[in-house]
Amino acid sequence: MNPYRARQILREHGIRPRKRLSQSFFTSRKIARFMVDALELARQDRVYEVGTGLGALTYEAALRGVYTLTCEIDLRIAKIAKKFLPFPNIDIVVADALHIGIPPRTTKVLSNVPYGISSKLLLMLLKEGTYELAVLTLQKEFAERLVAEPGTKKYGRLTVLAKLLAEVEVLRTVPSRAFYPPPEVESTIVKIKPKPSPKHVEIERLEETTRILFSQRRRKLVKVLRNKFNASTVDLSPKLLEKRVYQLTPEELLEISRRIS
C-alpha cells in the first residue's frame, strides 16, 4: 500500500480535498523521509504528528520503530489513513490539534502544517515547549518571517516570539509538486528546538505588548508608548525610545514588555 499516491487514493474514495482545512497531501517519499530523519529519532521517543493526512509521514516514523500519536481533524481522511498504517506503534485520534495541545510525554513533533493554521499552531508549539524538537513544513514566506532580522520587511511579532522561545533552523525548500493538490506557493521545512521559556504570565504579556507595538511598526517607540500605553515615563534609554518598532531586537522588546507592565 502506498500513501504517496494521493490523487489516485482520493479519487478511489470519492473524496475532494477541503480548501477550508488547507488539505494538501505528500506525494514525495524522499521529502517525507528527509523530515523524519531530521527528527533525530531514538527508540524511546514519542512522536506527536499534527495532521495525519494519508499517513505518509506517519508511515516513515513507524518504520523507525517509535511510538507515534497522530491527530487528524477529518474523519474521512483518518479512515483512509488507517489502511496504510497497520502498525502497533501508531495511534490515530480524530480531533482538532489546536484544541488538544501537546500530549504529555511527547518528545518530538512532526507536521505537514495546513497553511490555514500555521500561526496558531506555531504559537502553541512555542508556548508549550515541553518537547525536544519539532520538524514542520510551512509556507515559505511564513518560514522566512520566523528567522527575519530586526529592521527588515518580514520582521514582526511572530519573529520576536520565535527567537525568544526557540531556536529555528530552515532546512530546505519543498517544491509544490511534492504535494497534491499542489499549493500555489513553495513550502519550507524548519526545525524548532524550544528554549527554556519565561513564565506563562510573561509570555502572555509579551504577546499582547508586541501585538500592540507592531500595529504601528514603523513609528518611533516613544510615540507608540504615549499613544497606546500612556507610558511616556517608562524608564528606557533615549536611544531606545527613538528606535522604530520594527528595528527593536527581541531582547529589547522583552525588556519593554517587562517595564510597561
Protein backbone atom coordinates (compact mmCIF):
# COMPACT_ATOMS: atom_id res chain seq x y z
CA MET A 1 0.00 0.00 0.00
CA ASN A 2 1.35 3.41 -0.99
CA PRO A 3 0.17 6.55 0.88
CA TYR A 4 2.04 8.76 -1.64
CA ARG A 5 -0.46 8.12 -4.47
CA ALA A 6 -2.64 10.87 -3.04
CA ARG A 7 -4.56 11.82 -6.19
CA GLN A 8 -5.45 8.23 -7.05
CA ILE A 9 -6.37 7.31 -3.46
CA LEU A 10 -8.71 10.27 -3.06
CA ARG A 11 -10.39 9.57 -6.41
CA GLU A 12 -10.94 5.92 -5.49
CA HIS A 13 -12.71 7.02 -2.30
CA GLY A 14 -14.68 9.81 -3.97
CA ILE A 15 -13.07 12.49 -1.77
CA ARG A 16 -12.11 16.02 -2.72
CA PRO A 17 -9.56 17.90 -0.57
CA ARG A 18 -11.23 20.53 1.59
CA LYS A 19 -9.92 24.05 1.00
CA ARG A 20 -11.19 25.28 4.37
CA LEU A 21 -8.88 22.72 6.03
CA SER A 22 -5.95 23.65 3.73
CA GLN A 23 -5.64 19.96 2.80
CA SER A 24 -2.58 19.11 0.73
CA PHE A 25 -1.05 15.63 0.86
CA PHE A 26 2.52 14.40 0.44
CA THR A 27 3.38 12.72 -2.85
CA SER A 28 7.15 12.63 -2.30
CA ARG A 29 8.60 9.87 -0.17
CA LYS A 30 12.02 11.49 -0.46
CA ILE A 31 10.78 14.63 1.30
CA ALA A 32 8.85 12.63 3.92
CA ARG A 33 11.98 10.62 4.74
CA PHE A 34 14.00 13.83 4.95
CA MET A 35 11.58 15.27 7.52
CA VAL A 36 11.54 12.15 9.67
CA ASP A 37 15.34 11.87 9.51
CA ALA A 38 15.54 15.49 10.71
CA LEU A 39 13.62 14.49 13.86
CA GLU A 40 16.75 12.62 15.03
CA LEU A 41 14.61 9.78 16.38
CA ALA A 42 15.66 7.38 19.12
CA ARG A 43 13.74 4.25 20.12
CA GLN A 44 12.46 5.85 23.34
CA ASP A 45 10.96 8.87 21.54
CA ARG A 46 7.24 9.55 21.46
CA VAL A 47 6.18 11.42 18.34
CA TYR A 48 3.11 13.62 18.04
CA GLU A 49 2.02 14.36 14.49
CA VAL A 50 -0.36 17.20 13.65
CA GLY A 51 -2.39 16.32 10.55
CA THR A 52 -2.18 12.63 9.66
CA GLY A 53 -3.26 13.14 6.07
CA LEU A 54 -3.00 9.86 4.20
CA GLY A 55 -0.25 8.70 6.55
CA ALA A 56 2.92 9.48 4.59
CA LEU A 57 4.92 11.00 7.47
CA THR A 58 3.31 8.66 9.99
CA TYR A 59 4.39 5.67 7.91
CA GLU A 60 8.01 6.79 7.82
CA ALA A 61 8.05 7.42 11.57
CA ALA A 62 6.51 3.99 12.23
CA LEU A 63 9.26 2.31 10.24
CA ARG A 64 11.76 3.74 12.74
CA GLY A 65 10.00 1.76 15.49
CA VAL A 66 8.96 4.75 17.61
CA TYR A 67 5.52 5.31 19.11
CA THR A 68 3.53 7.89 17.16
CA LEU A 69 0.28 9.56 18.13
CA THR A 70 -1.15 11.24 15.07
CA CYS A 71 -4.04 13.70 15.02
CA GLU A 72 -6.39 14.20 12.05
CA ILE A 73 -9.37 16.57 12.06
CA ASP A 74 -11.10 15.00 9.02
CA LEU A 75 -12.78 11.68 9.82
CA ARG A 76 -12.96 10.76 6.11
CA ILE A 77 -9.19 11.07 5.74
CA ALA A 78 -8.46 9.34 9.06
CA LYS A 79 -10.40 6.25 7.93
CA ILE A 80 -8.29 6.03 4.77
CA ALA A 81 -5.02 6.59 6.64
CA LYS A 82 -5.72 3.63 8.90
CA LYS A 83 -5.46 1.35 5.85
CA PHE A 84 -1.87 2.47 5.27
CA LEU A 85 -0.82 2.33 8.92
CA PRO A 86 -1.08 -1.30 10.14
CA PHE A 87 1.45 -0.72 12.90
CA PRO A 88 1.02 -1.46 16.62
CA ASN A 89 3.14 1.59 17.49
CA ILE A 90 0.68 4.08 15.92
CA ASP A 91 -2.49 5.58 17.36
CA ILE A 92 -4.76 7.84 15.29
CA VAL A 93 -7.03 10.30 17.04
CA VAL A 94 -9.72 12.28 15.21
CA ALA A 95 -9.65 15.76 16.75
CA ASP A 96 -8.65 19.38 16.28
CA ALA A 97 -4.97 19.53 17.23
CA LEU A 98 -5.32 23.16 18.29
CA HIS A 99 -7.80 22.11 20.97
CA ILE A 100 -5.90 19.20 22.49
CA GLY A 101 -2.44 20.79 22.72
CA ILE A 102 0.79 18.80 23.01
CA PRO A 103 0.13 15.39 24.61
CA PRO A 104 2.07 14.52 27.80
CA ARG A 105 5.42 12.75 27.33
CA THR A 106 5.75 13.91 23.72
CA THR A 107 9.43 14.25 22.78
CA LYS A 108 9.21 15.05 19.05
CA VAL A 109 6.58 16.88 16.97
CA LEU A 110 6.03 16.33 13.26
CA SER A 111 3.67 18.09 10.87
CA ASN A 112 2.93 18.93 7.28
CA VAL A 113 1.22 22.04 8.61
CA PRO A 114 -2.05 23.10 6.96
CA TYR A 115 -1.39 26.68 5.90
CA GLY A 116 -4.63 27.88 7.47
CA ILE A 117 -3.46 27.08 11.00
CA SER A 118 0.24 27.99 10.66
CA SER A 119 0.21 30.94 13.07
CA LYS A 120 -1.97 29.29 15.70
CA LEU A 121 -0.05 26.02 15.62
CA LEU A 122 3.31 27.72 15.79
CA LEU A 123 2.26 29.84 18.76
CA MET A 124 1.03 26.70 20.50
CA LEU A 125 4.35 24.96 19.88
CA LEU A 126 6.34 27.97 21.09
CA LYS A 127 4.30 28.38 24.27
CA GLU A 128 4.03 24.66 25.09
CA GLY A 129 7.73 23.96 24.71
CA THR A 130 7.80 20.72 26.71
CA TYR A 131 9.04 18.62 23.75
CA GLU A 132 12.63 18.38 22.49
CA LEU A 133 12.31 19.04 18.79
CA ALA A 134 9.75 19.76 16.06
CA VAL A 135 10.07 19.42 12.28
CA LEU A 136 7.41 21.19 10.20
CA THR A 137 6.56 22.18 6.66
CA LEU A 138 5.46 25.79 6.45
CA GLN A 139 4.62 28.20 3.69
CA LYS A 140 7.99 29.56 2.52
CA GLU A 141 7.17 33.21 3.22
CA PHE A 142 5.86 32.29 6.67
CA ALA A 143 9.05 30.38 7.48
CA GLU A 144 11.16 33.35 6.37
CA ARG A 145 9.32 35.53 8.89
CA LEU A 146 10.45 33.27 11.72
CA VAL A 147 14.14 33.92 11.02
CA ALA A 148 13.93 37.54 9.82
CA GLU A 149 16.29 40.14 11.28
CA PRO A 150 15.23 43.38 13.04
CA GLY A 151 14.77 46.26 10.61
CA THR A 152 13.70 44.05 7.69
CA LYS A 153 10.32 43.91 5.99
CA LYS A 154 9.47 40.39 7.21
CA TYR A 155 10.43 41.04 10.83
CA GLY A 156 7.36 41.07 13.08
CA ARG A 157 5.80 39.95 16.34
CA LEU A 158 5.90 36.28 15.32
CA THR A 159 9.63 36.63 14.68
CA VAL A 160 10.11 38.09 18.15
CA LEU A 161 8.27 35.26 19.88
CA ALA A 162 10.05 32.60 17.81
CA LYS A 163 13.52 33.99 18.54
CA LEU A 164 12.87 34.36 22.27
CA LEU A 165 11.20 30.99 22.80
CA ALA A 166 13.03 28.68 20.38
CA GLU A 167 15.92 28.06 18.03
CA VAL A 168 14.53 27.96 14.49
CA GLU A 169 16.54 26.46 11.65
CA VAL A 170 15.49 26.50 7.99
CA LEU A 171 16.37 23.11 6.48
CA ARG A 172 15.23 23.16 2.85
CA THR A 173 12.63 24.38 0.37
CA VAL A 174 9.98 21.97 -0.89
CA PRO A 175 8.50 22.46 -4.39
CA SER A 176 4.74 22.49 -4.88
CA ARG A 177 4.89 19.27 -6.90
CA ALA A 178 5.71 17.34 -3.70
CA PHE A 179 2.04 17.71 -2.67
CA TYR A 180 -1.43 17.00 -4.01
CA PRO A 181 -3.18 19.22 -4.67
CA PRO A 182 -0.09 21.35 -5.26
CA PRO A 183 -0.19 24.62 -3.27
CA GLU A 184 0.26 27.88 -5.13
CA VAL A 185 3.49 28.63 -3.26
CA GLU A 186 6.59 26.72 -2.21
CA SER A 187 6.97 25.27 1.26
CA THR A 188 9.92 25.22 3.63
CA ILE A 189 10.95 22.61 6.18
CA VAL A 190 12.01 24.07 9.52
CA LYS A 191 13.40 22.58 12.71
CA ILE A 192 12.35 24.07 16.05
CA LYS A 193 14.11 23.50 19.37
CA PRO A 194 12.33 25.13 22.35
CA LYS A 195 14.36 27.24 24.76
CA PRO A 196 13.69 27.44 28.49
CA SER A 197 10.88 29.97 28.34
CA PRO A 198 9.85 32.84 30.64
CA LYS A 199 6.91 32.35 32.97
CA HIS A 200 3.49 31.81 31.38
CA VAL A 201 2.23 35.20 32.54
CA GLU A 202 5.24 36.90 30.99
CA ILE A 203 4.67 35.20 27.65
CA GLU A 204 1.04 36.33 27.60
CA ARG A 205 2.14 39.88 28.44
CA LEU A 206 4.78 39.82 25.68
CA GLU A 207 2.21 38.59 23.15
CA GLU A 208 -0.09 41.49 23.98
CA THR A 209 2.70 44.07 24.04
CA THR A 210 4.09 43.03 20.65
CA ARG A 211 0.60 42.85 19.15
CA ILE A 212 0.03 46.49 20.06
CA LEU A 213 3.51 47.73 19.17
CA PHE A 214 3.61 46.06 15.75
CA SER A 215 0.24 47.53 14.85
CA GLN A 216 2.33 50.69 14.35
CA ARG A 217 5.59 49.01 13.36
CA ARG A 218 7.13 51.99 11.53
CA ARG A 219 6.52 54.57 14.26
CA LYS A 220 9.08 55.50 16.89
CA LEU A 221 8.76 53.60 20.14
CA VAL A 222 8.31 56.75 22.20
CA LYS A 223 5.24 57.76 20.19
CA VAL A 224 3.63 54.33 20.35
CA LEU A 225 4.17 54.17 24.11
CA ARG A 226 2.48 57.53 24.57
CA ASN A 227 -0.44 56.78 22.25
CA LYS A 228 -1.13 53.15 23.06
CA PHE A 229 0.14 52.62 26.61
CA ASN A 230 0.03 56.09 28.15
CA ALA A 231 3.54 55.23 29.26
CA SER A 232 5.71 58.23 28.46
CA THR A 233 7.56 57.94 31.78
CA VAL A 234 8.81 54.38 31.25
CA ASP A 235 12.46 54.17 32.27
CA LEU A 236 14.02 53.41 28.89
CA SER A 237 17.10 54.94 27.29
CA PRO A 238 16.58 57.86 24.87
CA LYS A 239 18.38 55.85 22.17
CA LEU A 240 15.90 53.00 22.56
CA LEU A 241 12.90 55.32 22.59
CA GLU A 242 13.97 56.81 19.25
CA LYS A 243 14.04 53.44 17.54
CA ARG A 244 11.15 52.46 15.29
CA VAL A 245 9.23 49.41 16.44
CA TYR A 246 10.41 47.14 13.64
CA GLN A 247 14.05 47.97 14.50
CA LEU A 248 13.80 46.71 18.09
CA THR A 249 15.51 43.41 18.88
CA PRO A 250 13.58 40.57 20.56
CA GLU A 251 15.55 41.15 23.77
CA GLU A 252 14.70 44.87 23.75
CA LEU A 253 11.02 44.09 23.22
CA LEU A 254 11.04 41.64 26.12
CA GLU A 255 12.54 44.32 28.36
CA ILE A 256 9.98 46.88 27.19
CA SER A 257 7.19 44.44 27.92
CA ARG A 258 8.51 43.98 31.45
CA ARG A 259 8.85 47.74 32.05
CA ILE A 260 5.41 48.82 30.85
CA SER A 261 3.55 46.10 32.75
